[in-house]
């Protein structure tokens, strides 16, 4: 499920715990209900919309394929708001993003589980 709503996004970014696995950074905040995720690639780093769209698509796919540890946390009653950010100015390929996403999810689930 997508993280949306300005108040939720700001709370996640300001109060959430940060995890960094290059080139990704995640802000994680415990929440009620279901786990919600938002991915973004900033315009300040990636000027072309096609580049931002590609990065977001790759990050969403990597999360979708590797989110099982977070789903088990959700089943145990630990819902999260997660905002995932691409920090590198260079375009990343899918294997690099998938490795970083796997490490990021493992870090999050280890600290909360």
PDB file of N, CA and C in Angstrom:
ATOM      1  N   UNK A   1       0.846  -1.168   0.000  1.00  0.00           N
ATOM      2  CA  UNK A   1       0.000   0.000   0.000  1.00  0.00           C
ATOM      3  C   UNK A   1       0.899   1.241   0.000  1.00  0.00           C
ATOM      4  N   UNK A   2       0.491   2.273  -0.684  1.00  0.00           N
ATOM      5  CA  UNK A   2       1.303   3.479  -0.828  1.00  0.00           C
ATOM      6  C   UNK A   2       1.116   4.417   0.357  1.00  0.00           C
ATOM      7  N   UNK A   3       2.228   4.998   0.769  1.00  0.00           N
ATOM      8  CA  UNK A   3       2.207   6.029   1.801  1.00  0.00           C
ATOM      9  C   UNK A   3       1.812   7.334   1.130  1.00  0.00           C
ATOM     10  N   UNK A   4       0.719   7.932   1.568  1.00  0.00           N
ATOM     11  CA  UNK A   4       0.272   9.182   0.984  1.00  0.00           C
ATOM     12  C   UNK A   4      -0.266  10.078   2.089  1.00  0.00           C
ATOM     13  N   UNK A   5      -0.438  11.316   1.774  1.00  0.00           N
ATOM     14  CA  UNK A   5      -0.901  12.297   2.744  1.00  0.00           C
ATOM     15  C   UNK A   5       0.282  13.080   3.284  1.00  0.00           C
ATOM     16  N   UNK A   6       0.198  14.390   3.170  1.00  0.00           N
ATOM     17  CA  UNK A   6       1.318  15.252   3.539  1.00  0.00           C
ATOM     18  C   UNK A   6       1.717  15.088   5.000  1.00  0.00           C
ATOM     19  N   UNK A   7       0.743  14.947   5.898  1.00  0.00           N
ATOM     20  CA  UNK A   7       1.062  14.813   7.321  1.00  0.00           C
ATOM     21  C   UNK A   7       1.810  13.523   7.614  1.00  0.00           C
ATOM     22  N   UNK A   8       1.381  12.432   7.017  1.00  0.00           N
ATOM     23  CA  UNK A   8       2.060  11.147   7.231  1.00  0.00           C
ATOM     24  C   UNK A   8       3.474  11.167   6.665  1.00  0.00           C
ATOM     25  N   UNK A   9       3.631  11.735   5.480  1.00  0.00           N
ATOM     26  CA  UNK A   9       4.951  11.782   4.845  1.00  0.00           C
ATOM     27  C   UNK A   9       5.901  12.647   5.664  1.00  0.00           C
ATOM     28  N   UNK A  10       5.444  13.828   6.095  1.00  0.00           N
ATOM     29  CA  UNK A  10       6.304  14.699   6.910  1.00  0.00           C
ATOM     30  C   UNK A  10       6.662  14.057   8.237  1.00  0.00           C
ATOM     31  N   UNK A  11       5.693  13.397   8.870  1.00  0.00           N
ATOM     32  CA  UNK A  11       5.975  12.731  10.142  1.00  0.00           C
ATOM     33  C   UNK A  11       6.992  11.610   9.949  1.00  0.00           C
ATOM     34  N   UNK A  12       6.858  10.864   8.879  1.00  0.00           N
ATOM     35  CA  UNK A  12       7.793   9.777   8.605  1.00  0.00           C
ATOM     36  C   UNK A  12       9.191  10.320   8.378  1.00  0.00           C
ATOM     37  N   UNK A  13       9.314  11.404   7.638  1.00  0.00           N
ATOM     38  CA  UNK A  13      10.628  11.955   7.341  1.00  0.00           C
ATOM     39  C   UNK A  13      11.253  12.646   8.541  1.00  0.00           C
ATOM     40  N   UNK A  14      10.459  13.280   9.371  1.00  0.00           N
ATOM     41  CA  UNK A  14      11.040  14.036  10.488  1.00  0.00           C
ATOM     42  C   UNK A  14      11.225  13.179  11.744  1.00  0.00           C
ATOM     43  N   UNK A  15      10.295  12.278  12.034  1.00  0.00           N
ATOM     44  CA  UNK A  15      10.349  11.506  13.265  1.00  0.00           C
ATOM     45  C   UNK A  15      10.841  10.079  13.061  1.00  0.00           C
ATOM     46  N   UNK A  16      10.877   9.628  11.822  1.00  0.00           N
ATOM     47  CA  UNK A  16      11.239   8.240  11.553  1.00  0.00           C
ATOM     48  C   UNK A  16      12.714   7.963  11.727  1.00  0.00           C
ATOM     49  N   UNK A  17      13.025   6.715  12.021  1.00  0.00           N
ATOM     50  CA  UNK A  17      14.412   6.275  12.141  1.00  0.00           C
ATOM     51  C   UNK A  17      14.993   6.100  10.744  1.00  0.00           C
ATOM     52  N   UNK A  18      16.245   6.534  10.560  1.00  0.00           N
ATOM     53  CA  UNK A  18      16.886   6.468   9.238  1.00  0.00           C
ATOM     54  C   UNK A  18      17.769   5.238   9.119  1.00  0.00           C
ATOM     55  N   UNK A  19      17.699   4.631   7.952  1.00  0.00           N
ATOM     56  CA  UNK A  19      18.563   3.517   7.589  1.00  0.00           C
ATOM     57  C   UNK A  19      19.181   3.852   6.237  1.00  0.00           C
ATOM     58  N   UNK A  20      20.484   3.647   6.097  1.00  0.00           N
ATOM     59  CA  UNK A  20      21.158   3.965   4.845  1.00  0.00           C
ATOM     60  C   UNK A  20      21.908   2.733   4.343  1.00  0.00           C
ATOM     61  N   UNK A  21      21.627   2.362   3.125  1.00  0.00           N
ATOM     62  CA  UNK A  21      22.394   1.363   2.375  1.00  0.00           C
ATOM     63  C   UNK A  21      22.556   1.982   0.994  1.00  0.00           C
ATOM     64  N   UNK A  22      23.760   2.385   0.675  1.00  0.00           N
ATOM     65  CA  UNK A  22      24.001   3.128  -0.549  1.00  0.00           C
ATOM     66  C   UNK A  22      23.506   2.380  -1.764  1.00  0.00           C
ATOM     67  N   UNK A  23      22.756   2.938  -2.641  1.00  0.00           N
ATOM     68  CA  UNK A  23      22.345   4.324  -2.833  1.00  0.00           C
ATOM     69  C   UNK A  23      20.958   4.653  -2.274  1.00  0.00           C
ATOM     70  N   UNK A  24      20.448   3.852  -1.336  1.00  0.00           N
ATOM     71  CA  UNK A  24      19.111   4.081  -0.804  1.00  0.00           C
ATOM     72  C   UNK A  24      19.155   4.546   0.643  1.00  0.00           C
ATOM     73  N   UNK A  25      18.181   5.373   1.010  1.00  0.00           N
ATOM     74  CA  UNK A  25      17.994   5.769   2.397  1.00  0.00           C
ATOM     75  C   UNK A  25      16.515   5.591   2.704  1.00  0.00           C
ATOM     76  N   UNK A  26      16.227   5.047   3.880  1.00  0.00           N
ATOM     77  CA  UNK A  26      14.837   4.835   4.272  1.00  0.00           C
ATOM     78  C   UNK A  26      14.555   5.543   5.591  1.00  0.00           C
ATOM     79  N   UNK A  27      13.384   6.128   5.694  1.00  0.00           N
ATOM     80  CA  UNK A  27      12.865   6.681   6.933  1.00  0.00           C
ATOM     81  C   UNK A  27      11.720   5.757   7.341  1.00  0.00           C
ATOM     82  N   UNK A  28      11.784   5.224   8.570  1.00  0.00           N
ATOM     83  CA  UNK A  28      10.811   4.231   9.011  1.00  0.00           C
ATOM     84  C   UNK A  28      10.159   4.721  10.300  1.00  0.00           C
ATOM     85  N   UNK A  29       8.838   4.689  10.339  1.00  0.00           N
ATOM     86  CA  UNK A  29       8.079   5.127  11.501  1.00  0.00           C
ATOM     87  C   UNK A  29       7.036   4.061  11.824  1.00  0.00           C
ATOM     88  N   UNK A  30       6.978   3.574  13.073  1.00  0.00           N
ATOM     89  CA  UNK A  30       5.907   2.640  13.441  1.00  0.00           C
ATOM     90  C   UNK A  30       4.546   3.295  13.266  1.00  0.00           C
ATOM     91  N   UNK A  31       3.565   2.504  12.859  1.00  0.00           N
ATOM     92  CA  UNK A  31       2.241   3.047  12.555  1.00  0.00           C
ATOM     93  C   UNK A  31       1.154   2.045  12.914  1.00  0.00           C
ATOM     94  N   UNK A  32      -0.060   2.474  12.762  1.00  0.00           N
ATOM     95  CA  UNK A  32      -1.237   1.624  12.958  1.00  0.00           C
ATOM     96  C   UNK A  32      -1.723   1.120  11.602  1.00  0.00           C
ATOM     97  N   UNK A  33      -2.396  -0.001  11.598  1.00  0.00           N
ATOM     98  CA  UNK A  33      -2.992  -0.502  10.360  1.00  0.00           C
ATOM     99  C   UNK A  33      -2.011  -1.286   9.515  1.00  0.00           C
ATOM    100  N   UNK A  34      -1.928  -0.940   8.223  1.00  0.00           N
ATOM    101  CA  UNK A  34      -1.084  -1.650   7.274  1.00  0.00           C
ATOM    102  C   UNK A  34       0.235  -0.921   7.062  1.00  0.00           C
ATOM    103  N   UNK A  35       1.237  -1.673   6.604  1.00  0.00           N
ATOM    104  CA  UNK A  35       2.500  -1.071   6.219  1.00  0.00           C
ATOM    105  C   UNK A  35       2.296  -0.295   4.925  1.00  0.00           C
ATOM    106  N   UNK A  36       2.793   0.949   4.902  1.00  0.00           N
ATOM    107  CA  UNK A  36       2.671   1.798   3.722  1.00  0.00           C
ATOM    108  C   UNK A  36       4.066   2.243   3.300  1.00  0.00           C
ATOM    109  N   UNK A  37       4.305   2.247   1.988  1.00  0.00           N
ATOM    110  CA  UNK A  37       5.626   2.545   1.448  1.00  0.00           C
ATOM    111  C   UNK A  37       5.524   3.643   0.396  1.00  0.00           C
ATOM    112  N   UNK A  38       6.537   4.511   0.398  1.00  0.00           N
ATOM    113  CA  UNK A  38       6.656   5.542  -0.622  1.00  0.00           C
ATOM    114  C   UNK A  38       8.085   5.516  -1.140  1.00  0.00           C
ATOM    115  N   UNK A  39       8.276   5.586  -2.447  1.00  0.00           N
ATOM    116  CA  UNK A  39       9.616   5.680  -3.036  1.00  0.00           C
ATOM    117  C   UNK A  39       9.704   6.982  -3.809  1.00  0.00           C
ATOM    118  N   UNK A  40      10.897   7.593  -3.768  1.00  0.00           N
ATOM    119  CA  UNK A  40      11.065   8.793  -4.566  1.00  0.00           C
ATOM    120  C   UNK A  40      12.510   9.008  -4.953  1.00  0.00           C
ATOM    121  N   UNK A  41      12.659   9.679  -6.090  1.00  0.00           N
ATOM    122  CA  UNK A  41      13.956  10.098  -6.611  1.00  0.00           C
ATOM    123  C   UNK A  41      13.827  11.596  -6.847  1.00  0.00           C
ATOM    124  N   UNK A  42      14.623  12.406  -6.169  1.00  0.00           N
ATOM    125  CA  UNK A  42      14.413  13.850  -6.206  1.00  0.00           C
ATOM    126  C   UNK A  42      14.801  14.499  -7.528  1.00  0.00           C
ATOM    127  N   UNK A  43      14.088  15.543  -7.856  1.00  0.00           N
ATOM    128  CA  UNK A  43      14.349  16.296  -9.072  1.00  0.00           C
ATOM    129  C   UNK A  43      15.684  17.029  -8.988  1.00  0.00           C
ATOM    130  N   UNK A  44      16.135  17.340  -7.770  1.00  0.00           N
ATOM    131  CA  UNK A  44      17.411  18.042  -7.616  1.00  0.00           C
ATOM    132  C   UNK A  44      18.596  17.164  -8.028  1.00  0.00           C
ATOM    133  N   UNK A  45      18.428  15.842  -7.952  1.00  0.00           N
ATOM    134  CA  UNK A  45      19.501  14.930  -8.353  1.00  0.00           C
ATOM    135  C   UNK A  45      19.317  14.375  -9.758  1.00  0.00           C
ATOM    136  N   UNK A  46      18.074  14.206 -10.190  1.00  0.00           N
ATOM    137  CA  UNK A  46      17.772  13.605 -11.494  1.00  0.00           C
ATOM    138  C   UNK A  46      16.854  14.568 -12.251  1.00  0.00           C
ATOM    139  N   UNK A  47      17.426  15.303 -13.178  1.00  0.00           N
ATOM    140  CA  UNK A  47      16.709  16.373 -13.853  1.00  0.00           C
ATOM    141  C   UNK A  47      15.645  15.893 -14.834  1.00  0.00           C
ATOM    142  N   UNK A  48      15.854  14.732 -15.408  1.00  0.00           N
ATOM    143  CA  UNK A  48      14.917  14.233 -16.426  1.00  0.00           C
ATOM    144  C   UNK A  48      13.855  13.335 -15.789  1.00  0.00           C
ATOM    145  N   UNK A  49      12.613  13.570 -16.146  1.00  0.00           N
ATOM    146  CA  UNK A  49      11.504  12.799 -15.585  1.00  0.00           C
ATOM    147  C   UNK A  49      11.622  11.319 -15.914  1.00  0.00           C
ATOM    148  N   UNK A  50      12.145  10.983 -17.087  1.00  0.00           N
ATOM    149  CA  UNK A  50      12.279   9.569 -17.442  1.00  0.00           C
ATOM    150  C   UNK A  50      13.246   8.865 -16.494  1.00  0.00           C
ATOM    151  N   UNK A  51      14.287   9.571 -16.050  1.00  0.00           N
ATOM    152  CA  UNK A  51      15.234   8.976 -15.100  1.00  0.00           C
ATOM    153  C   UNK A  51      14.583   8.760 -13.737  1.00  0.00           C
ATOM    154  N   UNK A  52      13.829   9.753 -13.269  1.00  0.00           N
ATOM    155  CA  UNK A  52      13.145   9.616 -11.982  1.00  0.00           C
ATOM    156  C   UNK A  52      12.108   8.495 -12.033  1.00  0.00           C
ATOM    157  N   UNK A  53      11.369   8.420 -13.120  1.00  0.00           N
ATOM    158  CA  UNK A  53      10.356   7.374 -13.264  1.00  0.00           C
ATOM    159  C   UNK A  53      10.995   5.993 -13.287  1.00  0.00           C
ATOM    160  N   UNK A  54      12.120   5.865 -13.990  1.00  0.00           N
ATOM    161  CA  UNK A  54      12.800   4.566 -14.053  1.00  0.00           C
ATOM    162  C   UNK A  54      13.300   4.147 -12.676  1.00  0.00           C
ATOM    163  N   UNK A  55      13.910   5.067 -11.947  1.00  0.00           N
ATOM    164  CA  UNK A  55      14.403   4.742 -10.606  1.00  0.00           C
ATOM    165  C   UNK A  55      13.260   4.340  -9.679  1.00  0.00           C
ATOM    166  N   UNK A  56      12.161   5.069  -9.728  1.00  0.00           N
ATOM    167  CA  UNK A  56      11.013   4.718  -8.878  1.00  0.00           C
ATOM    168  C   UNK A  56      10.461   3.344  -9.252  1.00  0.00           C
ATOM    169  N   UNK A  57      10.392   3.065 -10.536  1.00  0.00           N
ATOM    170  CA  UNK A  57       9.894   1.760 -10.990  1.00  0.00           C
ATOM    171  C   UNK A  57      10.804   0.635 -10.510  1.00  0.00           C
ATOM    172  N   UNK A  58      12.123   0.841 -10.607  1.00  0.00           N
ATOM    173  CA  UNK A  58      13.077  -0.173 -10.151  1.00  0.00           C
ATOM    174  C   UNK A  58      12.993  -0.378  -8.643  1.00  0.00           C
ATOM    175  N   UNK A  59      12.869   0.706  -7.889  1.00  0.00           N
ATOM    176  CA  UNK A  59      12.779   0.580  -6.425  1.00  0.00           C
ATOM    177  C   UNK A  59      11.483  -0.109  -6.004  1.00  0.00           C
ATOM    178  N   UNK A  60      10.370   0.220  -6.659  1.00  0.00           N
ATOM    179  CA  UNK A  60       9.103  -0.443  -6.330  1.00  0.00           C
ATOM    180  C   UNK A  60       9.164  -1.936  -6.628  1.00  0.00           C
ATOM    181  N   UNK A  61       9.772  -2.293  -7.759  1.00  0.00           N
ATOM    182  CA  UNK A  61       9.875  -3.712  -8.119  1.00  0.00           C
ATOM    183  C   UNK A  61      10.782  -4.453  -7.149  1.00  0.00           C
ATOM    184  N   UNK A  62      11.903  -3.847  -6.779  1.00  0.00           N
ATOM    185  CA  UNK A  62      12.810  -4.483  -5.819  1.00  0.00           C
ATOM    186  C   UNK A  62      12.117  -4.659  -4.468  1.00  0.00           C
ATOM    187  N   UNK A  63      11.353  -3.673  -4.035  1.00  0.00           N
ATOM    188  CA  UNK A  63      10.619  -3.793  -2.774  1.00  0.00           C
ATOM    189  C   UNK A  63       9.564  -4.896  -2.877  1.00  0.00           C
ATOM    190  N   UNK A  64       8.835  -4.917  -3.973  1.00  0.00           N
ATOM    191  CA  UNK A  64       7.769  -5.907  -4.144  1.00  0.00           C
ATOM    192  C   UNK A  64       8.291  -7.328  -4.053  1.00  0.00           C
ATOM    193  N   UNK A  65       9.459  -7.568  -4.656  1.00  0.00           N
ATOM    194  CA  UNK A  65      10.013  -8.919  -4.681  1.00  0.00           C
ATOM    195  C   UNK A  65      10.666  -9.325  -3.362  1.00  0.00           C
ATOM    196  N   UNK A  66      11.008  -8.363  -2.508  1.00  0.00           N
ATOM    197  CA  UNK A  66      11.787  -8.690  -1.311  1.00  0.00           C
ATOM    198  C   UNK A  66      11.141  -8.255  -0.009  1.00  0.00           C
ATOM    199  N   UNK A  67       9.858  -7.984  -0.001  1.00  0.00           N
ATOM    200  CA  UNK A  67       9.208  -7.423   1.183  1.00  0.00           C
ATOM    201  C   UNK A  67       8.700  -8.479   2.167  1.00  0.00           C
ATOM    202  N   UNK A  68       9.001  -9.749   1.979  1.00  0.00           N
ATOM    203  CA  UNK A  68       8.485 -10.800   2.855  1.00  0.00           C
ATOM    204  C   UNK A  68       8.812 -10.605   4.334  1.00  0.00           C
ATOM    205  N   UNK A  69      10.052 -10.224   4.721  1.00  0.00           N
ATOM    206  CA  UNK A  69      10.307 -10.009   6.152  1.00  0.00           C
ATOM    207  C   UNK A  69       9.430  -8.919   6.768  1.00  0.00           C
ATOM    208  N   UNK A  70       9.111  -7.892   5.995  1.00  0.00           N
ATOM    209  CA  UNK A  70       8.249  -6.829   6.516  1.00  0.00           C
ATOM    210  C   UNK A  70       6.799  -7.289   6.612  1.00  0.00           C
ATOM    211  N   UNK A  71       6.392  -8.182   5.723  1.00  0.00           N
ATOM    212  CA  UNK A  71       5.028  -8.707   5.800  1.00  0.00           C
ATOM    213  C   UNK A  71       4.850  -9.577   7.039  1.00  0.00           C
ATOM    214  N   UNK A  72       5.891 -10.319   7.423  1.00  0.00           N
ATOM    215  CA  UNK A  72       5.791 -11.107   8.655  1.00  0.00           C
ATOM    216  C   UNK A  72       5.734 -10.189   9.876  1.00  0.00           C
ATOM    217  N   UNK A  73       6.459  -9.076   9.846  1.00  0.00           N
ATOM    218  CA  UNK A  73       6.357  -8.098  10.931  1.00  0.00           C
ATOM    219  C   UNK A  73       4.948  -7.520  11.011  1.00  0.00           C
ATOM    220  N   UNK A  74       4.358  -7.256   9.846  1.00  0.00           N
ATOM    221  CA  UNK A  74       2.998  -6.723   9.810  1.00  0.00           C
ATOM    222  C   UNK A  74       2.006  -7.729  10.378  1.00  0.00           C
ATOM    223  N   UNK A  75       2.209  -9.014  10.091  1.00  0.00           N
ATOM    224  CA  UNK A  75       1.338 -10.049  10.630  1.00  0.00           C
ATOM    225  C   UNK A  75       1.442 -10.134  12.149  1.00  0.00           C
ATOM    226  N   UNK A  76       2.619  -9.774  12.685  1.00  0.00           N
ATOM    227  CA  UNK A  76       2.826  -9.781  14.136  1.00  0.00           C
ATOM    228  C   UNK A  76       2.313  -8.499  14.794  1.00  0.00           C
ATOM    229  N   UNK A  77       1.812  -7.554  14.007  1.00  0.00           N
ATOM    230  CA  UNK A  77       1.254  -6.330  14.557  1.00  0.00           C
ATOM    231  C   UNK A  77       2.173  -5.128  14.501  1.00  0.00           C
ATOM    232  N   UNK A  78       3.268  -5.203  13.728  1.00  0.00           N
ATOM    233  CA  UNK A  78       4.201  -4.093  13.588  1.00  0.00           C
ATOM    234  C   UNK A  78       4.025  -3.449  12.211  1.00  0.00           C
ATOM    235  N   UNK A  79       3.050  -2.573  12.078  1.00  0.00           N
ATOM    236  CA  UNK A  79       2.865  -1.861  10.818  1.00  0.00           C
ATOM    237  C   UNK A  79       3.844  -0.694  10.767  1.00  0.00           C
ATOM    238  N   UNK A  80       4.266  -0.332   9.565  1.00  0.00           N
ATOM    239  CA  UNK A  80       5.275   0.708   9.395  1.00  0.00           C
ATOM    240  C   UNK A  80       4.869   1.682   8.296  1.00  0.00           C
ATOM    241  N   UNK A  81       5.368   2.904   8.407  1.00  0.00           N
ATOM    242  CA  UNK A  81       5.363   3.854   7.300  1.00  0.00           C
ATOM    243  C   UNK A  81       6.807   3.959   6.854  1.00  0.00           C
ATOM    244  N   UNK A  82       7.071   3.669   5.584  1.00  0.00           N
ATOM    245  CA  UNK A  82       8.434   3.642   5.066  1.00  0.00           C
ATOM    246  C   UNK A  82       8.525   4.578   3.864  1.00  0.00           C
ATOM    247  N   UNK A  83       9.518   5.471   3.897  1.00  0.00           N
ATOM    248  CA  UNK A  83       9.805   6.346   2.763  1.00  0.00           C
ATOM    249  C   UNK A  83      11.212   6.014   2.280  1.00  0.00           C
ATOM    250  N   UNK A  84      11.336   5.550   1.045  1.00  0.00           N
ATOM    251  CA  UNK A  84      12.624   5.132   0.486  1.00  0.00           C
ATOM    252  C   UNK A  84      13.061   6.155  -0.547  1.00  0.00           C
ATOM    253  N   UNK A  85      14.319   6.572  -0.419  1.00  0.00           N
ATOM    254  CA  UNK A  85      14.863   7.702  -1.169  1.00  0.00           C
ATOM    255  C   UNK A  85      16.115   7.259  -1.910  1.00  0.00           C
ATOM    256  N   UNK A  86      16.252   7.621  -3.174  1.00  0.00           N
ATOM    257  CA  UNK A  86      17.455   7.315  -3.957  1.00  0.00           C
ATOM    258  C   UNK A  86      18.400   8.502  -3.846  1.00  0.00           C
ATOM    259  N   UNK A  87      19.589   8.308  -3.251  1.00  0.00           N
ATOM    260  CA  UNK A  87      20.491   9.409  -2.914  1.00  0.00           C
ATOM    261  C   UNK A  87      21.582   9.681  -3.938  1.00  0.00           C
ATOM    262  N   UNK A  88      21.838   8.786  -4.846  1.00  0.00           N
ATOM    263  CA  UNK A  88      22.975   8.914  -5.751  1.00  0.00           C
ATOM    264  C   UNK A  88      22.600   9.751  -6.971  1.00  0.00           C
ATOM    265  N   UNK A  89      23.541  10.566  -7.440  1.00  0.00           N
ATOM    266  CA  UNK A  89      23.300  11.344  -8.657  1.00  0.00           C
ATOM    267  C   UNK A  89      23.367  10.469  -9.901  1.00  0.00           C
ATOM    268  N   UNK A  90      24.090   9.375  -9.820  1.00  0.00           N
ATOM    269  CA  UNK A  90      24.221   8.460 -10.942  1.00  0.00           C
ATOM    270  C   UNK A  90      23.006   7.536 -11.009  1.00  0.00           C
ATOM    271  N   UNK A  91      22.638   7.148 -12.212  1.00  0.00           N
ATOM    272  CA  UNK A  91      21.571   6.175 -12.388  1.00  0.00           C
ATOM    273  C   UNK A  91      22.072   4.816 -11.916  1.00  0.00           C
ATOM    274  N   UNK A  92      21.267   4.140 -11.136  1.00  0.00           N
ATOM    275  CA  UNK A  92      21.613   2.805 -10.657  1.00  0.00           C
ATOM    276  C   UNK A  92      20.908   1.772 -11.522  1.00  0.00           C
ATOM    277  N   UNK A  93      21.543   0.620 -11.696  1.00  0.00           N
ATOM    278  CA  UNK A  93      20.891  -0.453 -12.430  1.00  0.00           C
ATOM    279  C   UNK A  93      20.114  -1.328 -11.442  1.00  0.00           C
ATOM    280  N   UNK A  94      19.311  -2.236 -11.977  1.00  0.00           N
ATOM    281  CA  UNK A  94      18.441  -3.032 -11.116  1.00  0.00           C
ATOM    282  C   UNK A  94      19.201  -3.905 -10.121  1.00  0.00           C
ATOM    283  N   UNK A  95      20.274  -4.624 -10.516  1.00  0.00           N
ATOM    284  CA  UNK A  95      20.967  -5.455  -9.522  1.00  0.00           C
ATOM    285  C   UNK A  95      21.493  -4.653  -8.327  1.00  0.00           C
ATOM    286  N   UNK A  96      21.986  -3.458  -8.579  1.00  0.00           N
ATOM    287  CA  UNK A  96      22.488  -2.623  -7.486  1.00  0.00           C
ATOM    288  C   UNK A  96      21.343  -2.203  -6.554  1.00  0.00           C
ATOM    289  N   UNK A  97      20.228  -1.809  -7.120  1.00  0.00           N
ATOM    290  CA  UNK A  97      19.080  -1.408  -6.307  1.00  0.00           C
ATOM    291  C   UNK A  97      18.509  -2.604  -5.556  1.00  0.00           C
ATOM    292  N   UNK A  98      18.453  -3.763  -6.192  1.00  0.00           N
ATOM    293  CA  UNK A  98      17.912  -4.954  -5.538  1.00  0.00           C
ATOM    294  C   UNK A  98      18.779  -5.373  -4.348  1.00  0.00           C
ATOM    295  N   UNK A  99      20.113  -5.322  -4.507  1.00  0.00           N
ATOM    296  CA  UNK A  99      21.006  -5.654  -3.378  1.00  0.00           C
ATOM    297  C   UNK A  99      20.825  -4.666  -2.229  1.00  0.00           C
ATOM    298  N   UNK A 100      20.762  -3.387  -2.564  1.00  0.00           N
ATOM    299  CA  UNK A 100      20.595  -2.372  -1.536  1.00  0.00           C
ATOM    300  C   UNK A 100      19.236  -2.519  -0.843  1.00  0.00           C
ATOM    301  N   UNK A 101      18.196  -2.816  -1.598  1.00  0.00           N
ATOM    302  CA  UNK A 101      16.862  -2.979  -1.021  1.00  0.00           C
ATOM    303  C   UNK A 101      16.829  -4.189  -0.088  1.00  0.00           C
ATOM    304  N   UNK A 102      17.472  -5.286  -0.479  1.00  0.00           N
ATOM    305  CA  UNK A 102      17.525  -6.480   0.368  1.00  0.00           C
ATOM    306  C   UNK A 102      18.213  -6.154   1.696  1.00  0.00           C
ATOM    307  N   UNK A 103      19.361  -5.460   1.639  1.00  0.00           N
ATOM    308  CA  UNK A 103      20.079  -5.095   2.861  1.00  0.00           C
ATOM    309  C   UNK A 103      19.263  -4.135   3.710  1.00  0.00           C
ATOM    310  N   UNK A 104      18.591  -3.210   3.077  1.00  0.00           N
ATOM    311  CA  UNK A 104      17.772  -2.235   3.785  1.00  0.00           C
ATOM    312  C   UNK A 104      16.612  -2.919   4.505  1.00  0.00           C
ATOM    313  N   UNK A 105      15.935  -3.811   3.836  1.00  0.00           N
ATOM    314  CA  UNK A 105      14.818  -4.535   4.447  1.00  0.00           C
ATOM    315  C   UNK A 105      15.307  -5.417   5.583  1.00  0.00           C
ATOM    316  N   UNK A 106      16.477  -6.048   5.404  1.00  0.00           N
ATOM    317  CA  UNK A 106      17.039  -6.866   6.478  1.00  0.00           C
ATOM    318  C   UNK A 106      17.377  -6.018   7.704  1.00  0.00           C
ATOM    319  N   UNK A 107      17.936  -4.822   7.481  1.00  0.00           N
ATOM    320  CA  UNK A 107      18.238  -3.916   8.593  1.00  0.00           C
ATOM    321  C   UNK A 107      16.975  -3.516   9.342  1.00  0.00           C
ATOM    322  N   UNK A 108      15.953  -3.152   8.592  1.00  0.00           N
ATOM    323  CA  UNK A 108      14.702  -2.715   9.213  1.00  0.00           C
ATOM    324  C   UNK A 108      14.080  -3.839  10.007  1.00  0.00           C
ATOM    325  N   UNK A 109      13.988  -5.022   9.424  1.00  0.00           N
ATOM    326  CA  UNK A 109      13.346  -6.139  10.121  1.00  0.00           C
ATOM    327  C   UNK A 109      14.174  -6.608  11.313  1.00  0.00           C
ATOM    328  N   UNK A 110      15.508  -6.521  11.250  1.00  0.00           N
ATOM    329  CA  UNK A 110      16.346  -6.911  12.380  1.00  0.00           C
ATOM    330  C   UNK A 110      16.167  -5.948  13.549  1.00  0.00           C
ATOM    331  N   UNK A 111      16.041  -4.669  13.281  1.00  0.00           N
ATOM    332  CA  UNK A 111      15.898  -3.693  14.361  1.00  0.00           C
ATOM    333  C   UNK A 111      14.492  -3.681  14.959  1.00  0.00           C
ATOM    334  N   UNK A 112      13.496  -4.082  14.198  1.00  0.00           N
ATOM    335  CA  UNK A 112      12.131  -4.065  14.707  1.00  0.00           C
ATOM    336  C   UNK A 112      11.640  -5.432  15.128  1.00  0.00           C
ATOM    337  N   UNK A 113      12.284  -6.478  14.668  1.00  0.00           N
ATOM    338  CA  UNK A 113      11.814  -7.831  14.957  1.00  0.00           C
ATOM    339  C   UNK A 113      12.425  -8.417  16.120  1.00  0.00           C
TER     340      UNK A 113
END
